[in-house]
Protein backbone atom coordinates (compact mmCIF):
# COMPACT_ATOMS: atom_id res chain seq x y z
CA MET A 1 58.43 98.97 155.25
CA GLY A 2 54.57 98.70 154.21
CA ILE A 3 53.46 100.29 150.58
CA PRO A 4 51.07 102.74 152.20
CA VAL A 5 54.30 104.24 154.42
CA LEU A 6 56.08 104.01 151.21
CA LYS A 7 53.76 106.30 149.49
CA LYS A 8 53.26 108.50 151.86
CA SER A 9 57.00 109.05 151.96
CA MET A 10 56.98 109.50 148.30
CA SER A 11 54.11 112.16 148.31
CA VAL A 12 56.15 114.40 150.74
CA LEU A 13 59.55 113.75 148.68
CA GLU A 14 57.69 115.35 145.43
CA LEU A 15 57.07 118.37 147.27
CA PHE A 16 60.83 119.41 146.81
CA SER A 17 61.55 120.92 143.61
CA PRO A 18 64.22 123.46 142.15
CA THR A 19 61.97 126.01 143.25
CA LEU A 20 61.26 124.86 146.64
CA ARG A 21 63.98 123.31 148.44
CA GLU A 22 62.63 123.80 151.92
CA ILE A 23 59.56 123.10 153.28
CA GLY A 24 57.51 123.46 156.63
CA VAL A 25 54.83 121.26 158.24
CA VAL A 26 51.83 123.88 157.57
CA ASP A 27 53.13 124.25 153.97
CA ALA A 28 52.97 120.73 153.39
CA ALA A 29 50.46 119.73 155.60
CA ASN A 30 48.37 122.45 153.20
CA GLN A 31 49.53 120.86 150.16
CA LEU A 32 48.57 117.49 150.80
CA GLY A 33 45.44 118.04 152.32
CA LEU A 34 46.20 116.33 155.55
CA SER A 35 46.09 117.69 159.08
CA LYS A 36 49.23 119.33 160.77
CA GLY A 37 49.72 116.85 162.96
CA THR A 38 49.75 114.05 160.70
CA LEU A 39 52.35 115.99 158.71
CA SER A 40 54.39 116.85 161.53
CA ARG A 41 54.37 112.84 162.49
CA TRP A 42 55.50 111.92 158.86
CA LEU A 43 58.18 114.29 158.56
CA SER A 44 59.92 113.56 161.87
CA ALA A 45 59.63 109.92 160.99
CA MET A 46 61.45 110.62 157.74
CA GLU A 47 63.97 112.76 159.17
CA SER A 48 64.89 109.91 161.79
CA ALA A 49 64.99 107.65 158.84
CA GLY A 50 67.72 109.64 157.07
CA PHE A 51 65.31 111.24 154.13
CA LEU A 52 65.14 114.62 155.44
CA ASP A 53 67.40 117.22 157.16
CA ARG A 54 65.58 119.72 159.66
CA ASP A 55 67.03 123.31 159.90
CA PRO A 56 67.98 124.02 163.63
CA VAL A 57 66.83 127.77 163.51
CA SER A 58 63.77 127.78 160.83
CA LEU A 59 62.60 124.16 161.53
CA ARG A 60 61.98 123.67 157.72
CA TYR A 61 62.57 120.50 156.35
CA ARG A 62 65.10 119.50 153.39
CA LEU A 63 66.26 116.85 151.64
CA SER A 64 68.96 115.14 153.29
CA ALA A 65 72.57 114.87 152.04
CA ARG A 66 72.35 111.26 152.23
CA LEU A 67 69.32 111.07 149.97
CA ALA A 68 70.79 113.26 147.51
CA VAL A 69 73.85 111.02 147.50
CA ILE A 70 71.58 108.19 146.69
CA GLY A 71 69.41 110.02 144.02
CA GLU A 72 72.51 110.61 142.28
CA LEU A 73 73.92 107.44 141.90
CA ALA A 74 70.41 106.24 140.81
CA ARG A 75 70.31 108.70 138.48
CA ASP A 76 73.96 107.93 137.09
CA ALA A 77 73.57 104.02 137.10
CA THR A 78 70.53 103.98 135.29
CA SER A 79 70.84 106.46 132.61
CA LEU A 80 74.55 105.49 131.94
CA GLN A 81 74.09 101.84 131.67
CA ARG A 82 71.05 102.54 129.20
CA LEU A 83 72.80 105.08 127.35
CA ALA A 84 75.97 102.86 127.13
CA THR A 85 74.02 100.15 125.40
CA ALA A 86 74.65 101.74 121.96
CA GLU A 87 77.89 103.00 122.45
CA LEU A 88 79.02 99.77 123.25
CA GLN A 89 77.46 97.97 120.35
CA TRP A 90 79.21 100.37 117.91
CA LEU A 91 82.38 100.21 119.84
CA ALA A 92 82.17 96.21 119.26
CA ALA A 93 81.16 96.73 116.13
CA THR A 94 83.94 99.22 114.66
CA THR A 95 86.85 97.69 116.35
CA GLY A 96 85.70 93.82 116.17
CA GLU A 97 86.82 93.85 119.51
CA THR A 98 84.94 93.29 123.29
CA ALA A 99 83.64 96.61 124.48
CA ASN A 100 82.96 97.17 128.13
CA LEU A 101 81.29 99.84 130.51
CA ALA A 102 83.66 99.93 133.72
CA VAL A 103 82.60 101.98 136.88
CA LEU A 104 84.77 102.41 140.13
CA VAL A 105 84.00 100.20 143.22
CA GLY A 106 85.99 101.11 146.26
CA SER A 107 89.42 100.42 144.96
CA GLU A 108 88.36 98.04 141.96
CA ALA A 109 86.99 98.40 138.67
CA MET A 110 83.90 96.71 137.54
CA ASN A 111 82.17 95.73 134.26
CA LEU A 112 78.49 97.21 134.44
CA SER A 113 78.14 96.61 130.74
CA ALA A 114 79.40 94.35 128.04
CA VAL A 115 79.36 93.87 124.34
CA GLU A 116 81.22 90.63 122.68
CA SER A 117 83.42 90.46 119.86
CA PRO A 118 81.93 89.14 117.08
CA ARG A 119 85.36 87.14 116.33
CA PRO A 120 85.67 83.39 117.59
CA ILE A 121 88.86 84.61 119.91
CA MET A 122 88.10 87.20 122.12
CA HIS A 123 88.77 88.75 125.41
CA THR A 124 85.45 87.61 127.65
CA GLY A 125 84.59 90.90 129.87
CA TRP A 126 81.57 89.50 131.84
CA VAL A 127 79.34 91.85 133.76
CA GLY A 128 80.17 92.07 137.39
CA ARG A 129 83.64 91.32 136.83
CA ARG A 130 86.03 92.83 139.24
CA LEU A 131 89.25 94.31 137.76
CA PRO A 132 92.58 95.92 139.38
CA VAL A 133 92.71 99.25 138.96
CA HIS A 134 96.12 99.43 138.37
CA ALA A 135 96.76 96.88 135.51
CA THR A 136 93.82 97.69 133.08
CA ALA A 137 92.45 100.67 131.10
CA ALA A 138 89.34 100.97 132.83
CA GLY A 139 90.98 101.52 136.07
CA LYS A 140 93.44 103.85 134.74
CA SER A 141 90.75 105.95 133.22
CA LEU A 142 88.85 105.68 136.28
CA LEU A 143 91.29 106.88 138.35
CA ALA A 144 93.08 109.49 136.47
CA TRP A 145 91.44 112.58 137.14
CA HIS A 146 91.48 111.74 141.25
CA ALA A 147 93.48 113.74 143.59
CA THR A 148 96.88 112.35 144.33
CA ALA A 149 96.30 112.41 147.75
CA GLU A 150 92.88 110.33 147.60
CA LEU A 151 95.03 107.78 145.03
CA ARG A 152 97.44 107.55 148.37
CA ARG A 153 94.71 106.85 150.50
CA LEU A 154 93.23 104.23 148.00
CA LEU A 155 96.01 102.04 146.88
CA PRO A 156 99.12 100.46 148.54
CA ALA A 157 102.72 101.32 148.12
CA GLN A 158 103.64 97.93 146.31
CA LEU A 159 101.06 97.22 143.48
CA PRO A 160 100.97 93.36 142.55
CA LYS A 161 102.61 92.07 139.60
CA LEU A 162 99.60 90.19 137.73
CA ALA A 163 101.49 89.88 134.33
CA ALA A 164 105.05 91.13 132.07
CA ARG A 165 104.39 94.63 132.20
CA SER A 166 102.21 95.05 135.31
CA ILE A 167 102.93 98.43 137.07
CA THR A 168 104.10 97.73 140.51
CA SER A 169 105.17 100.97 141.98
CA LEU A 170 102.35 103.45 142.92
CA ASP A 171 104.62 106.29 142.17
CA ASP A 172 104.94 104.73 138.52
CA PHE A 173 101.38 104.39 138.48
CA LEU A 174 100.95 107.90 139.39
CA GLU A 175 103.13 108.94 136.50
CA GLU A 176 101.23 106.66 134.04
CA LEU A 177 97.94 108.35 135.00
CA GLY A 178 99.71 111.57 134.43
CA LYS A 179 99.86 110.36 130.77
CA VAL A 180 96.45 109.51 130.63
CA ARG A 181 95.48 113.19 131.43
CA GLU A 182 97.55 114.15 128.62
CA GLN A 183 96.34 112.29 126.34
CA GLY A 184 92.88 111.55 127.18
CA TYR A 185 92.96 107.65 127.15
CA SER A 186 94.40 105.11 128.97
CA VAL A 187 95.83 101.85 127.54
CA ALA A 188 97.18 98.52 129.37
CA TRP A 189 99.43 96.31 127.47
CA ALA A 190 100.38 92.98 128.87
CA GLU A 191 99.51 94.23 132.59
CA MET A 192 96.59 92.13 133.77
CA GLU A 193 97.25 89.25 131.07
CA ASP A 194 100.61 88.56 129.06
CA ASP A 195 98.31 88.43 126.03
CA LEU A 196 96.02 90.96 126.36
CA ALA A 197 95.42 94.84 125.47
CA ALA A 198 92.94 97.23 126.50
CA VAL A 199 92.24 100.49 125.59
CA GLY A 200 89.89 103.02 127.64
CA ALA A 201 88.71 106.41 128.19
CA PRO A 202 86.88 108.23 130.76
CA VAL A 203 82.85 108.93 130.97
CA ARG A 204 81.79 112.17 132.43
CA ASN A 205 78.32 112.94 134.03
CA HIS A 206 77.03 116.72 133.62
CA THR A 207 79.02 117.94 136.51
CA GLY A 208 82.53 116.85 135.19
CA LEU A 209 82.81 113.79 137.18
CA VAL A 210 84.31 110.70 135.98
CA VAL A 211 81.19 108.13 136.40
CA GLY A 212 82.62 105.34 134.24
CA ALA A 213 84.92 104.34 131.65
CA LEU A 214 84.20 102.68 127.77
CA THR A 215 87.18 100.34 127.19
CA ILE A 216 87.67 97.60 124.63
CA GLY A 217 90.02 94.32 125.36
CA ALA A 218 91.58 92.36 123.12
CA PRO A 219 94.67 89.20 122.76
CA ILE A 220 97.86 91.12 121.82
CA SER A 221 98.38 88.53 118.94
CA ARG A 222 95.52 90.59 117.07
CA VAL A 223 96.46 94.00 118.20
CA PRO A 224 99.75 94.84 117.86
CA GLU A 225 101.00 98.13 119.70
CA ASP A 226 100.75 100.33 116.44
CA ARG A 227 97.11 99.48 115.79
CA LEU A 228 96.08 101.15 119.46
CA LYS A 229 95.89 104.89 118.01
CA LEU A 230 92.86 103.84 115.82
CA CYS A 231 91.42 101.71 118.76
CA SER A 232 91.95 104.64 120.84
CA GLU A 233 90.30 106.96 118.58
CA ALA A 234 87.26 104.54 118.48
CA VAL A 235 86.93 104.38 122.40
CA LEU A 236 87.51 108.12 122.62
CA LYS A 237 84.90 108.71 120.12
CA ALA A 238 82.35 106.45 122.39
CA ALA A 239 83.09 108.00 125.39
CA ASN A 240 82.89 111.33 124.49
CA SER A 241 79.56 110.80 122.89
CA LEU A 242 78.28 108.74 126.08
CA SER A 243 79.87 111.85 128.07
CA GLU A 244 78.01 114.35 126.01
CA GLN A 245 74.65 112.32 126.25
CA LEU A 246 74.81 112.85 130.37
CA GLY A 247 75.36 116.45 129.46
CA TYR A 248 79.05 116.84 129.40
CA ARG A 249 80.95 118.75 127.08
CA SER A 250 84.01 116.59 126.45
CA GLU A 251 87.39 118.44 126.58
CA PHE A 252 89.06 115.51 124.10
CA THR A 253 87.76 115.40 120.61
CA ALA A 254 88.77 111.88 118.58
């Protein structure tokens, strides 16, 4: 697709606004100062490409559902990563452990951003790393507010054992997610790796949808279980702050 075509498409898309959700050929032509025939061809091509939908009765065009989904993903992705940077830096500095931002990709959690622990011995959470949802704090926070029926479609009844305390039964995992919802944060203790402890909390957008999870990961040898509560308070504070910046008022407070 050439630059001229992209510019034409953008000029049409920019006609839409919260007060103008549908537009006809004549109105679009008048606003852009082009002929009705030219705009008719543009709009028809954009409909074929999936950018626009046309109402079969009024024959007016509106943004397609497909474009709306792409736009929502783009907005969440860019703002989420950008805004998360300061929270991750604060979290790593406050806890002394590696801080991560993860998102759900299919049936896995994926690290989108990371700030490493300032300590020489650390848990490494590199960007792009895929994580099993059932054995990680990130996965638990990302899935805890999903419908049970959806989770049963997404995950197998028998989950792989990765470390000493991995949850291997889907029913047990669903019970664990119930605990996450009650307390507002998740914990994974020797579930993905035998010497890995992690705490996570959900990040929500302006609609209340969980769009990510902030986590910290550390060697168990440095973070005994009685320290997890202190770590969870810091993770919750950072996740709540990020959620509020995305337009959500958190239900949980640190």
